[in-house]
Structure formats: C-alpha cells, structure tokens
N, C-alpha and C. Protein backbone atom coordinates (compact mmCIF):
# COMPACT_ATOMS: atom_id res chain seq x y z
N MET A 1 -20.42 42.10 -131.47
CA MET A 1 -20.22 44.34 -131.07
C MET A 1 -20.60 44.87 -132.05
N ILE A 2 -20.50 45.42 -131.67
CA ILE A 2 -21.72 46.92 -132.20
C ILE A 2 -19.99 47.16 -132.78
N LYS A 3 -20.21 48.06 -134.47
CA LYS A 3 -18.86 48.66 -134.80
C LYS A 3 -18.50 49.94 -133.86
N GLY A 4 -17.08 50.42 -134.26
CA GLY A 4 -17.03 52.02 -133.95
C GLY A 4 -17.14 52.17 -132.71
N THR A 5 -17.36 53.31 -132.41
CA THR A 5 -17.78 53.24 -130.72
C THR A 5 -18.75 53.15 -130.63
N HIS A 6 -19.44 51.82 -130.79
CA HIS A 6 -20.57 51.24 -130.01
C HIS A 6 -19.90 49.53 -129.70
N ARG A 7 -19.03 49.14 -130.23
CA ARG A 7 -18.43 47.84 -130.39
C ARG A 7 -18.15 47.44 -129.15
N PHE A 8 -18.60 46.44 -128.65
CA PHE A 8 -18.19 46.22 -127.30
C PHE A 8 -17.92 46.81 -126.15
N PHE A 9 -18.04 46.89 -126.36
CA PHE A 9 -18.64 48.61 -126.37
C PHE A 9 -18.90 48.34 -127.40
N ALA A 10 -19.10 47.33 -127.80
CA ALA A 10 -20.03 47.29 -128.93
C ALA A 10 -20.67 47.21 -127.64
N ILE A 11 -20.40 46.39 -126.83
CA ILE A 11 -21.07 47.11 -125.30
C ILE A 11 -20.17 46.96 -124.66
N THR A 12 -19.08 47.19 -124.65
CA THR A 12 -17.86 47.57 -124.25
C THR A 12 -16.76 47.97 -124.59
N MET A 13 -18.28 48.55 -124.53
CA MET A 13 -17.22 47.80 -123.57
C MET A 13 -15.99 48.84 -124.50
N LEU A 14 -16.99 48.95 -124.12
CA LEU A 14 -17.65 49.93 -124.84
C LEU A 14 -17.02 50.80 -124.42
N LEU A 15 -16.89 51.22 -123.48
CA LEU A 15 -16.90 52.43 -122.46
C LEU A 15 -15.68 53.15 -123.03
N VAL A 16 -15.94 52.90 -123.41
CA VAL A 16 -14.34 53.10 -124.00
C VAL A 16 -15.13 53.05 -125.20
N ILE A 17 -16.27 53.13 -125.44
CA ILE A 17 -16.72 52.26 -126.23
C ILE A 17 -18.26 52.77 -126.44
N GLY A 18 -19.27 52.10 -126.72
CA GLY A 18 -20.35 53.03 -126.81
C GLY A 18 -21.68 52.10 -126.82
N GLY A 19 -22.70 52.60 -127.05
CA GLY A 19 -23.82 51.48 -126.95
C GLY A 19 -24.88 51.27 -128.08
N VAL A 20 -25.85 50.61 -127.07
CA VAL A 20 -27.15 49.79 -127.68
C VAL A 20 -28.09 49.84 -126.98
N ALA A 21 -29.36 49.78 -128.15
CA ALA A 21 -30.22 49.91 -128.10
C ALA A 21 -31.55 49.25 -128.36
N CYS A 22 -32.66 49.21 -127.90
CA CYS A 22 -33.78 48.53 -128.57
C CYS A 22 -34.73 49.26 -129.04
N SER A 23 -34.92 48.92 -130.01
CA SER A 23 -36.09 49.79 -130.66
C SER A 23 -37.25 49.59 -130.45
N SER A 24 -37.86 48.69 -129.27
CA SER A 24 -39.19 49.19 -128.82
C SER A 24 -39.15 50.17 -127.84
N GLY A 25 -37.83 50.39 -127.48
CA GLY A 25 -37.98 51.78 -126.51
C GLY A 25 -38.21 51.49 -125.35
N GLU A 26 -39.21 50.30 -124.84
CA GLU A 26 -38.55 49.63 -123.33
C GLU A 26 -37.47 49.17 -123.18
N ALA A 27 -36.73 48.79 -123.47
CA ALA A 27 -35.52 47.86 -123.35
C ALA A 27 -34.58 49.58 -123.73
N GLN A 28 -34.50 49.99 -124.36
CA GLN A 28 -33.52 51.30 -124.25
C GLN A 28 -34.41 52.66 -123.90
N LYS A 29 -33.04 53.31 -123.00
CA LYS A 29 -33.27 54.54 -122.57
C LYS A 29 -32.50 55.25 -123.08
N ASN A 30 -33.04 56.61 -123.88
CA ASN A 30 -31.55 57.56 -123.97
C ASN A 30 -32.34 59.13 -123.96
N THR A 31 -31.81 59.14 -122.32
CA THR A 31 -31.85 60.81 -121.68
C THR A 31 -30.72 61.59 -122.04
N ASN A 32 -31.21 62.77 -123.10
CA ASN A 32 -30.23 63.82 -122.85
C ASN A 32 -30.55 64.80 -121.69
N THR A 33 -29.91 64.99 -120.49
CA THR A 33 -30.66 65.68 -119.60
C THR A 33 -28.72 66.26 -119.30
N ALA A 34 -29.52 67.73 -118.44
CA ALA A 34 -28.13 68.32 -118.09
C ALA A 34 -27.66 67.64 -116.92
N ALA A 35 -28.33 66.50 -116.13
CA ALA A 35 -27.30 66.77 -115.29
C ALA A 35 -28.50 65.11 -114.81
N SER A 36 -27.49 63.70 -114.86
CA SER A 36 -27.86 62.50 -114.94
C SER A 36 -27.84 62.11 -113.23
N SER A 37 -28.05 61.60 -112.79
CA SER A 37 -27.68 61.01 -111.41
C SER A 37 -26.01 60.52 -111.60
N ALA A 38 -25.67 59.82 -112.37
CA ALA A 38 -23.83 59.51 -112.24
C ALA A 38 -22.95 60.66 -112.50
N ASN A 39 -23.90 62.38 -112.67
CA ASN A 39 -23.15 63.54 -113.15
C ASN A 39 -23.89 64.69 -112.61
N ALA A 40 -24.76 64.68 -111.43
CA ALA A 40 -25.45 65.62 -110.95
C ALA A 40 -24.36 65.92 -109.67
N PRO A 41 -24.16 67.47 -109.69
CA PRO A 41 -23.62 68.03 -108.66
C PRO A 41 -24.24 68.36 -107.21
N SER A 42 -23.51 67.78 -106.37
CA SER A 42 -24.36 67.55 -105.21
C SER A 42 -24.70 68.54 -104.35
N THR A 43 -24.65 69.87 -104.81
CA THR A 43 -24.89 71.24 -104.37
C THR A 43 -24.51 71.86 -105.97
N PRO A 44 -25.73 72.76 -105.96
CA PRO A 44 -25.66 73.30 -106.98
C PRO A 44 -24.06 74.19 -107.37
N GLY A 45 -22.96 74.05 -108.40
CA GLY A 45 -22.36 74.89 -108.94
C GLY A 45 -21.14 73.50 -108.41
N GLU A 46 -21.18 72.91 -107.83
CA GLU A 46 -20.31 71.98 -107.14
C GLU A 46 -20.10 70.43 -108.34
N ALA A 47 -19.06 70.18 -108.58
CA ALA A 47 -18.69 69.09 -109.30
C ALA A 47 -18.96 67.79 -108.57
N LYS A 48 -19.61 66.80 -108.88
CA LYS A 48 -19.71 65.26 -108.42
C LYS A 48 -18.16 65.16 -108.63
N PRO A 49 -17.20 64.23 -107.97
CA PRO A 49 -16.29 63.72 -107.85
C PRO A 49 -16.52 62.67 -109.05
N LEU A 50 -15.06 62.07 -109.98
CA LEU A 50 -15.03 61.39 -110.94
C LEU A 50 -14.68 59.93 -109.82
N ALA A 51 -15.40 58.78 -110.04
CA ALA A 51 -15.07 57.29 -109.65
C ALA A 51 -13.45 56.88 -110.10
N THR A 52 -13.17 56.29 -109.53
CA THR A 52 -11.74 55.97 -110.40
C THR A 52 -11.67 54.53 -110.11
N PRO A 53 -10.60 53.74 -110.89
CA PRO A 53 -10.62 52.59 -110.63
C PRO A 53 -10.49 51.59 -109.75
N ARG A 54 -10.63 50.79 -109.48
CA ARG A 54 -10.37 49.81 -107.91
C ARG A 54 -9.02 48.76 -108.47
N ASN A 55 -7.79 49.20 -107.35
CA ASN A 55 -6.62 47.63 -107.90
C ASN A 55 -6.32 47.05 -106.97
N ASN A 56 -7.72 46.68 -106.32
CA ASN A 56 -7.20 45.56 -105.35
C ASN A 56 -8.70 44.34 -105.53
N PHE A 57 -8.81 44.13 -106.60
CA PHE A 57 -9.68 43.41 -106.94
C PHE A 57 -8.72 41.77 -106.90
N THR A 58 -9.79 40.48 -107.07
CA THR A 58 -9.30 39.43 -106.79
C THR A 58 -9.58 38.21 -107.91
N ALA A 59 -9.14 37.04 -107.79
CA ALA A 59 -10.11 35.86 -108.80
C ALA A 59 -11.26 35.83 -108.32
N ALA A 60 -11.86 35.80 -107.06
CA ALA A 60 -12.82 35.58 -106.03
C ALA A 60 -14.13 36.70 -106.86
N ASP A 61 -13.34 38.14 -106.42
CA ASP A 61 -14.64 39.44 -106.88
C ASP A 61 -14.95 38.76 -108.58
N ILE A 62 -13.26 38.55 -109.55
CA ILE A 62 -14.30 38.15 -110.99
C ILE A 62 -15.07 36.75 -111.13
N ALA A 63 -14.92 36.18 -110.27
CA ALA A 63 -15.39 34.55 -110.96
C ALA A 63 -16.63 34.96 -109.88
N LYS A 64 -17.50 36.28 -109.47
CA LYS A 64 -18.81 36.83 -109.28
C LYS A 64 -19.34 37.13 -110.16
N LEU A 65 -19.15 37.61 -111.35
CA LEU A 65 -19.70 37.24 -112.96
C LEU A 65 -19.93 36.04 -113.20
N LYS A 66 -20.54 35.07 -113.23
CA LYS A 66 -20.54 34.15 -114.27
C LYS A 66 -21.91 34.24 -114.41
N TRP A 67 -22.79 35.04 -113.69
CA TRP A 67 -24.64 35.60 -114.49
C TRP A 67 -23.95 36.25 -115.86
N ILE A 68 -22.56 37.03 -116.31
CA ILE A 68 -23.17 37.25 -117.33
C ILE A 68 -22.59 36.54 -118.40
N GLU A 69 -22.22 35.02 -118.35
CA GLU A 69 -21.57 34.17 -119.33
C GLU A 69 -22.60 33.76 -120.45
N GLY A 70 -22.70 33.44 -121.32
CA GLY A 70 -23.92 33.27 -122.36
C GLY A 70 -23.73 34.04 -124.14
N THR A 71 -24.15 33.35 -124.83
CA THR A 71 -24.63 34.15 -126.04
C THR A 71 -25.72 35.47 -125.85
N TRP A 72 -25.07 36.92 -126.70
CA TRP A 72 -27.17 38.02 -125.92
C TRP A 72 -27.14 38.64 -127.29
N ARG A 73 -28.25 38.71 -127.12
CA ARG A 73 -28.71 39.86 -128.68
C ARG A 73 -29.33 40.94 -127.70
N GLY A 74 -28.33 42.25 -128.23
CA GLY A 74 -28.89 43.65 -127.86
C GLY A 74 -29.84 44.13 -128.96
N MET A 75 -29.96 45.63 -128.90
CA MET A 75 -30.69 46.36 -130.14
C MET A 75 -30.22 47.48 -130.04
N ASP A 76 -29.34 47.64 -131.27
CA ASP A 76 -29.12 49.37 -131.55
C ASP A 76 -29.98 49.90 -132.43
N GLY A 77 -31.11 50.52 -131.88
CA GLY A 77 -32.55 51.04 -132.79
C GLY A 77 -33.32 49.85 -133.07
N ASP A 78 -32.88 50.19 -134.47
CA ASP A 78 -33.88 48.64 -135.07
C ASP A 78 -33.08 47.21 -135.22
N LYS A 79 -31.88 47.79 -135.11
CA LYS A 79 -30.51 46.82 -135.10
C LYS A 79 -30.31 45.80 -134.15
N PRO A 80 -30.19 44.41 -134.71
CA PRO A 80 -29.78 43.67 -133.26
C PRO A 80 -28.47 43.78 -133.51
N PHE A 81 -28.03 43.39 -132.28
CA PHE A 81 -26.12 43.11 -132.88
C PHE A 81 -26.14 41.99 -131.58
N TYR A 82 -25.16 41.03 -131.78
CA TYR A 82 -24.81 39.96 -130.80
C TYR A 82 -23.81 39.91 -130.20
N GLU A 83 -23.96 39.50 -129.01
CA GLU A 83 -22.14 39.41 -128.39
C GLU A 83 -22.19 37.57 -126.96
N ARG A 84 -21.01 37.13 -127.19
CA ARG A 84 -20.57 36.26 -126.31
C ARG A 84 -19.71 36.50 -125.19
N TYR A 85 -20.25 36.36 -124.17
CA TYR A 85 -19.31 37.01 -122.84
C TYR A 85 -18.74 35.30 -122.05
N THR A 86 -17.25 35.03 -122.34
CA THR A 86 -16.55 34.06 -121.57
C THR A 86 -15.71 34.01 -120.41
N LEU A 87 -15.76 34.00 -119.47
CA LEU A 87 -15.07 34.29 -118.07
C LEU A 87 -13.78 32.85 -118.73
N LYS A 88 -12.78 33.52 -118.39
CA LYS A 88 -11.21 32.31 -118.88
C LYS A 88 -11.11 32.94 -117.40
N GLY A 89 -10.81 32.03 -116.24
CA GLY A 89 -10.34 32.09 -115.30
C GLY A 89 -10.34 33.82 -114.82
N THR A 90 -8.97 34.55 -114.64
CA THR A 90 -9.60 36.17 -114.33
C THR A 90 -10.20 36.88 -115.46
N THR A 91 -9.75 36.72 -116.15
CA THR A 91 -10.08 37.34 -118.31
C THR A 91 -11.24 37.06 -118.43
N LEU A 92 -12.52 38.31 -118.57
CA LEU A 92 -13.55 38.43 -119.59
C LEU A 92 -13.55 38.42 -120.94
N VAL A 93 -14.06 37.02 -121.73
CA VAL A 93 -13.59 37.62 -122.85
C VAL A 93 -14.67 37.99 -123.81
N VAL A 94 -14.96 38.92 -124.47
CA VAL A 94 -16.31 39.54 -125.17
C VAL A 94 -15.63 39.32 -126.74
N GLU A 95 -17.12 38.61 -127.13
CA GLU A 95 -16.95 38.15 -129.17
C GLU A 95 -17.84 38.70 -129.72
N GLY A 96 -17.92 39.37 -130.60
CA GLY A 96 -19.04 40.14 -131.30
C GLY A 96 -19.12 38.87 -132.14
N LEU A 97 -20.55 38.78 -132.47
CA LEU A 97 -20.97 37.92 -133.82
C LEU A 97 -21.49 38.28 -134.86
N LYS A 98 -21.54 37.66 -135.73
CA LYS A 98 -22.89 38.13 -136.45
C LYS A 98 -23.93 37.11 -136.82
N GLU A 99 -24.73 37.21 -137.39
CA GLU A 99 -26.17 36.82 -137.09
C GLU A 99 -26.51 35.29 -137.18
N ASP A 100 -25.78 34.51 -137.88
CA ASP A 100 -25.15 33.13 -137.95
C ASP A 100 -24.58 32.94 -137.14
N GLY A 101 -23.66 33.79 -136.15
CA GLY A 101 -23.24 33.10 -135.02
C GLY A 101 -21.83 32.59 -135.06
N SER A 102 -20.99 33.33 -136.23
CA SER A 102 -19.86 33.44 -136.67
C SER A 102 -19.13 34.77 -135.82
N ALA A 103 -17.90 34.44 -135.98
CA ALA A 103 -16.97 35.40 -135.33
C ALA A 103 -17.05 36.64 -135.99
N ASP A 104 -17.63 37.84 -135.06
CA ASP A 104 -17.25 39.26 -136.14
C ASP A 104 -16.53 39.94 -135.56
N GLY A 105 -15.04 39.90 -136.55
CA GLY A 105 -13.88 40.66 -135.64
C GLY A 105 -13.27 39.77 -134.34
N ALA A 106 -12.44 40.50 -133.87
CA ALA A 106 -11.18 39.98 -132.77
C ALA A 106 -12.07 39.65 -131.72
N PRO A 107 -11.93 39.07 -130.21
CA PRO A 107 -12.27 39.31 -129.40
C PRO A 107 -11.69 40.52 -128.67
N ASP A 108 -12.29 40.88 -127.83
CA ASP A 108 -11.52 41.96 -126.84
C ASP A 108 -11.94 41.50 -125.53
N SER A 109 -11.09 41.50 -124.73
CA SER A 109 -10.91 41.04 -122.96
C SER A 109 -10.44 42.31 -122.03
N PHE A 110 -11.38 41.85 -120.95
CA PHE A 110 -11.12 42.46 -119.73
C PHE A 110 -10.58 41.87 -118.79
N GLU A 111 -8.91 41.94 -118.46
CA GLU A 111 -8.35 41.55 -117.24
C GLU A 111 -7.90 41.82 -116.34
N LEU A 112 -7.49 40.91 -115.27
CA LEU A 112 -7.53 41.01 -114.12
C LEU A 112 -5.71 40.90 -113.80
N LYS A 113 -5.35 42.77 -113.68
CA LYS A 113 -3.75 42.69 -113.87
C LYS A 113 -3.18 43.59 -112.66
N ASN A 114 -2.70 42.88 -111.81
CA ASN A 114 -1.88 43.42 -110.62
C ASN A 114 -3.09 44.57 -109.42
N GLY A 115 -4.37 43.83 -109.66
CA GLY A 115 -5.56 44.29 -108.81
C GLY A 115 -6.60 45.18 -109.51
N GLU A 116 -6.46 45.39 -110.76
CA GLU A 116 -7.03 46.23 -111.42
C GLU A 116 -7.84 45.52 -113.00
N PHE A 117 -9.11 45.63 -113.32
CA PHE A 117 -9.51 44.29 -113.81
C PHE A 117 -10.05 45.84 -114.99
N GLY A 118 -9.76 45.85 -116.03
CA GLY A 118 -10.33 46.27 -116.95
C GLY A 118 -9.89 46.07 -118.95
N LYS A 119 -9.27 46.67 -119.31
CA LYS A 119 -9.45 46.66 -121.03
C LYS A 119 -8.81 47.67 -121.80
N GLY A 120 -7.93 47.75 -122.39
CA GLY A 120 -7.20 49.07 -123.21
C GLY A 120 -6.04 49.76 -122.56
N GLU A 121 -5.70 50.61 -123.10
CA GLU A 121 -4.57 51.22 -122.49
C GLU A 121 -4.62 52.44 -122.91
N GLY A 122 -3.80 53.69 -121.72
CA GLY A 122 -3.88 54.74 -121.67
C GLY A 122 -5.04 55.40 -121.76
N ASP A 123 -5.36 56.89 -122.56
CA ASP A 123 -6.81 57.42 -122.46
C ASP A 123 -7.71 56.45 -123.10
N ARG A 124 -7.46 55.17 -123.56
CA ARG A 124 -8.61 54.01 -123.97
C ARG A 124 -9.34 53.04 -123.23
N ARG A 125 -7.97 53.40 -121.74
CA ARG A 125 -8.58 52.34 -121.04
C ARG A 125 -9.88 52.60 -120.37
N SER A 126 -10.95 51.60 -119.58
CA SER A 126 -11.78 51.38 -119.08
C SER A 126 -11.64 50.44 -118.02
N ALA A 127 -11.77 50.45 -116.30
CA ALA A 127 -11.05 49.70 -115.60
C ALA A 127 -12.79 49.55 -114.42
N ALA A 128 -12.71 48.27 -113.73
CA ALA A 128 -13.78 48.30 -112.71
C ALA A 128 -14.07 49.25 -111.61
N SER A 129 -14.89 50.02 -111.20
CA SER A 129 -14.71 50.83 -110.07
C SER A 129 -15.34 49.53 -108.95
N GLU A 130 -16.22 48.89 -109.13
CA GLU A 130 -17.17 48.19 -108.48
C GLU A 130 -17.35 46.76 -108.67
N ILE A 131 -17.21 45.38 -108.06
CA ILE A 131 -17.88 44.42 -108.91
C ILE A 131 -18.63 43.95 -107.80
N THR A 132 -20.11 43.32 -107.87
CA THR A 132 -20.80 42.77 -106.77
C THR A 132 -21.38 41.55 -107.38
N ASP A 133 -22.24 40.68 -106.76
CA ASP A 133 -22.80 39.66 -107.51
C ASP A 133 -23.51 40.32 -108.59
N LYS A 134 -24.00 41.01 -108.28
CA LYS A 134 -25.02 41.42 -109.20
C LYS A 134 -24.71 42.54 -110.39
N TYR A 135 -23.80 43.16 -110.34
CA TYR A 135 -23.29 44.31 -111.36
C TYR A 135 -21.78 44.35 -111.06
N ILE A 136 -21.14 45.14 -112.33
CA ILE A 136 -19.73 45.60 -112.44
C ILE A 136 -20.04 47.40 -112.76
N GLN A 137 -18.81 47.89 -112.40
CA GLN A 137 -19.23 49.11 -112.65
C GLN A 137 -17.72 49.68 -113.09
N PHE A 138 -17.87 50.03 -114.72
CA PHE A 138 -16.57 50.80 -115.35
C PHE A 138 -16.56 51.73 -115.60
N VAL A 139 -15.20 52.51 -115.35
CA VAL A 139 -14.90 54.18 -115.16
C VAL A 139 -13.59 53.50 -116.21
N PRO A 140 -13.24 55.44 -116.73
CA PRO A 140 -12.61 55.75 -117.33
C PRO A 140 -11.45 55.73 -116.74
N GLY A 141 -9.94 54.58 -117.29
CA GLY A 141 -8.74 54.54 -116.45
C GLY A 141 -7.75 55.13 -116.31
N SER A 142 -8.42 56.78 -116.74
CA SER A 142 -7.41 58.10 -116.74
C SER A 142 -8.60 58.92 -117.06
N LEU A 143 -8.54 60.48 -116.21
CA LEU A 143 -8.39 61.39 -116.12
C LEU A 143 -8.54 61.62 -117.79
N PRO A 144 -9.58 62.52 -118.54
CA PRO A 144 -9.66 62.58 -119.72
C PRO A 144 -8.94 63.93 -120.22
N LYS A 145 -8.12 64.05 -121.54
CA LYS A 145 -7.74 65.38 -121.27
C LYS A 145 -7.92 66.62 -121.40
N VAL A 146 -6.94 67.69 -120.81
CA VAL A 146 -7.69 68.81 -120.87
C VAL A 146 -8.26 69.31 -122.11
N GLY A 147 -9.50 69.62 -122.30
CA GLY A 147 -10.07 70.16 -123.67
C GLY A 147 -9.98 68.72 -124.29
N GLY A 148 -10.11 68.04 -123.96
CA GLY A 148 -10.42 66.69 -124.96
C GLY A 148 -11.68 66.35 -124.27
N PRO A 149 -12.48 65.21 -125.29
CA PRO A 149 -14.07 65.32 -124.84
C PRO A 149 -13.98 64.04 -123.68
N PRO A 150 -15.18 64.34 -122.97
CA PRO A 150 -15.68 63.76 -121.82
C PRO A 150 -15.68 61.99 -122.10
N ARG A 151 -15.20 61.09 -121.04
CA ARG A 151 -15.32 59.65 -121.19
C ARG A 151 -16.34 59.34 -120.78
N ASN A 152 -16.86 58.17 -121.43
CA ASN A 152 -18.35 57.20 -120.38
C ASN A 152 -17.68 56.76 -119.78
N SER A 153 -18.49 55.87 -118.93
CA SER A 153 -18.47 54.99 -117.91
C SER A 153 -19.36 53.84 -118.21
N PHE A 154 -19.57 52.89 -118.05
CA PHE A 154 -21.04 52.11 -118.18
C PHE A 154 -21.12 50.59 -117.05
N ARG A 155 -22.36 50.32 -117.25
CA ARG A 155 -22.10 48.98 -115.72
C ARG A 155 -23.13 48.09 -116.75
N PHE A 156 -22.59 46.74 -116.17
CA PHE A 156 -23.63 45.85 -116.82
C PHE A 156 -24.16 45.39 -115.31
N GLU A 157 -25.46 45.16 -115.69
CA GLU A 157 -26.08 44.81 -114.23
C GLU A 157 -26.88 43.62 -114.57
N ASP A 158 -27.11 42.18 -113.62
CA ASP A 158 -27.68 41.63 -113.83
C ASP A 158 -29.17 41.62 -113.36
N GLU A 159 -29.94 41.79 -114.63
CA GLU A 159 -31.70 41.42 -113.73
C GLU A 159 -32.36 40.65 -113.23
N GLY A 160 -31.71 40.09 -112.91
CA GLY A 160 -32.41 38.64 -112.33
C GLY A 160 -33.20 37.66 -113.17
N ASN A 161 -33.09 37.95 -114.23
CA ASN A 161 -34.50 37.28 -115.11
C ASN A 161 -34.18 36.80 -116.66
N GLY A 162 -32.54 36.05 -116.09
CA GLY A 162 -31.49 35.80 -117.03
C GLY A 162 -31.96 36.50 -118.08
N THR A 163 -31.48 38.06 -117.98
CA THR A 163 -31.54 38.98 -118.96
C THR A 163 -30.79 40.30 -118.19
N TRP A 164 -29.57 40.43 -118.50
CA TRP A 164 -29.09 42.22 -117.77
C TRP A 164 -28.58 43.14 -119.00
N THR A 165 -28.55 44.09 -118.36
CA THR A 165 -28.46 45.59 -118.74
C THR A 165 -26.78 45.68 -118.86
N ALA A 166 -27.25 46.35 -119.87
CA ALA A 166 -25.78 47.67 -119.85
C ALA A 166 -26.09 48.99 -119.72
N THR A 167 -25.37 49.72 -119.49
CA THR A 167 -25.88 50.96 -118.63
C THR A 167 -24.54 51.87 -119.56
N LEU A 168 -24.55 53.12 -120.67
CA LEU A 168 -23.72 53.72 -120.52
C LEU A 168 -23.94 55.44 -120.08
N GLU A 169 -23.21 55.70 -120.19
CA GLU A 169 -23.08 56.81 -119.17
C GLU A 169 -22.10 58.28 -119.48
N TRP A 170 -22.70 59.28 -120.10
CA TRP A 170 -21.38 60.42 -120.46
C TRP A 170 -21.68 61.93 -119.48
N PRO A 171 -20.27 62.31 -119.51
CA PRO A 171 -20.63 63.61 -118.57
C PRO A 171 -20.90 64.49 -119.30
N ALA A 172 -21.80 65.28 -119.31
CA ALA A 172 -22.03 66.90 -119.56
C ALA A 172 -20.99 67.73 -120.39
N SER A 173 -20.93 68.31 -121.54
CA SER A 173 -19.36 69.13 -121.89
C SER A 173 -19.72 70.35 -122.17
N ALA A 174 -18.85 71.30 -122.96
CA ALA A 174 -19.12 72.48 -122.94
C ALA A 174 -20.42 72.48 -124.39
N ASP A 175 -20.06 71.78 -125.00
CA ASP A 175 -21.66 71.79 -125.81
C ASP A 175 -22.85 70.78 -125.79
N LYS A 176 -22.18 69.75 -125.06
CA LYS A 176 -23.42 68.62 -125.14
C LYS A 176 -23.76 68.53 -123.47
N PRO A 177 -25.21 67.86 -123.45
CA PRO A 177 -25.82 67.40 -122.29
C PRO A 177 -25.26 66.00 -121.42
N ALA A 178 -25.31 65.88 -120.61
CA ALA A 178 -25.27 64.20 -120.18
C ALA A 178 -25.96 63.32 -120.67
N GLN A 179 -25.16 62.38 -121.01
CA GLN A 179 -26.48 61.33 -121.78
C GLN A 179 -26.66 60.02 -121.31
N GLN A 180 -27.52 59.45 -121.26
CA GLN A 180 -26.99 58.30 -120.90
C GLN A 180 -28.23 56.99 -122.20
N LYS A 181 -27.43 55.87 -122.08
CA LYS A 181 -28.25 54.78 -122.81
C LYS A 181 -28.31 53.26 -122.07
N VAL A 182 -29.36 52.69 -122.42
CA VAL A 182 -29.49 51.52 -121.17
C VAL A 182 -29.51 50.40 -122.61
N TYR A 183 -29.21 48.89 -122.44
CA TYR A 183 -29.49 48.58 -123.70
C TYR A 183 -30.21 46.54 -122.87
N LYS A 184 -31.15 46.54 -123.33
CA LYS A 184 -31.11 45.13 -122.44
C LYS A 184 -30.57 44.21 -123.05
N MET A 185 -29.82 42.60 -122.66
CA MET A 185 -28.98 41.79 -123.09
C MET A 185 -29.88 40.89 -123.40
N GLU A 186 -30.18 40.08 -123.78
CA GLU A 186 -31.50 38.37 -123.81
C GLU A 186 -30.57 37.65 -124.25
N PRO A 187 -30.34 36.55 -123.69
CA PRO A 187 -30.46 35.11 -124.28
C PRO A 187 -30.43 35.15 -125.73
N TRP A 188 -29.22 34.45 -126.82
CA TRP A 188 -29.58 34.31 -128.08
C TRP A 188 -28.75 33.22 -128.18
N LYS A 189 -29.94 32.09 -129.16
CA LYS A 189 -29.03 30.88 -130.34
C LYS A 189 -29.02 31.48 -131.45
N PRO A 190 -28.31 31.47 -132.26
CA PRO A 190 -28.11 31.77 -133.50
C PRO A 190 -29.28 30.43 -134.57
N GLU A 191 -30.04 30.98 -135.21
CA GLU A 191 -30.32 30.46 -136.15
C GLU A 191 -29.68 29.35 -137.32
N LYS A 192 -29.13 28.19 -137.23
CA LYS A 192 -28.40 27.25 -138.17
C LYS A 192 -29.37 26.99 -139.46
C-alpha cells in the first residue's frame, strides 16, 4: 500500500485514502477539471446529489468480488506499490507489501456489518454504494463537516483481462477543481 493518504487506499481505500498511478501515463489519468462526470451538475448551478452507502448488502454481494483476490502491482508516478487482496467470508483484507513480498504495515479490512460494506470510522469511513460482478463503488460513509475538505470516492473495476483499475475522485472545493486519478492494477509475484 502507499503511505499516508495513498495507503490502500493506498488504494484504499484509500478513499478515505488516496491514489496510485502509472508512470507510462497510459495506466494513470490525473485530470483536474472543474466538473468531472462524478461531480458535474445536472444543470448549471445545480449540485449533483451525493451517493450514499447502501445498508442492504449480503454475503452473496461480497462473494461477487472474487475477481479482486490476488497480489497486485500498481504505480504511483514512477514508484511501484504492491498490495494483496483476500476475501475471508464477508471481509476483504488488503495488505500493503514491500518489494520482496513481505508485509508493509498492518492490513486494512472492508467488512460487512449490518448490511453495510466498508472500512474506517466517522469522518474516515468509506462504504460501498454499489457492488456488481464487475465493480465496487465506495463513497464517504458520512457527509463532510461544514467547511471541511471534500471527501473522495473510489471505484475498483475488473477490466476483464486479468487486471483491474482503481479510480479515485475528489469533488471540487472552494480552492481546487474536481480531480480524478486512475490506477491500473496488474498481477504481481515478488522476486525471491
């Protein structure tokens, strides 16, 4: 996982966490637009409603995420990062790894509790608003504090070719335009 705001969110999970990127430029998109598709008003001057976490997910919904299991490499600029995703019942465990494949800090977990699938607490909570066979969408678990920084959402999406992408989006704020980062996650095996 990536450290700080980029740690699992480094990709996660970030969501509350931050992002990852590819140095080739093809696997990462970092756009600073005044209105990204996730934050674009329906009509000028009208704010788009914020998605909220769902609280009716089941174990069958979490089982749809089998495609994300594995050990992955992403890029944050020209720096690689490594993560392992493991489903354990209704919990998705995310481990940051060092280049040799050993653990890099404590693992993170997304858990199904009372129908909500997410991680973190209070202002740092991220939870799923959608789960399908191809993607999972996470949104802030609570509204941002008045005057506080905007909170990002993120999406993990199966690309169908053995890779997946993590898309992180931040809404516009008073001093910053909306932003988006996309990280391509590829299968990885540590060299020993």
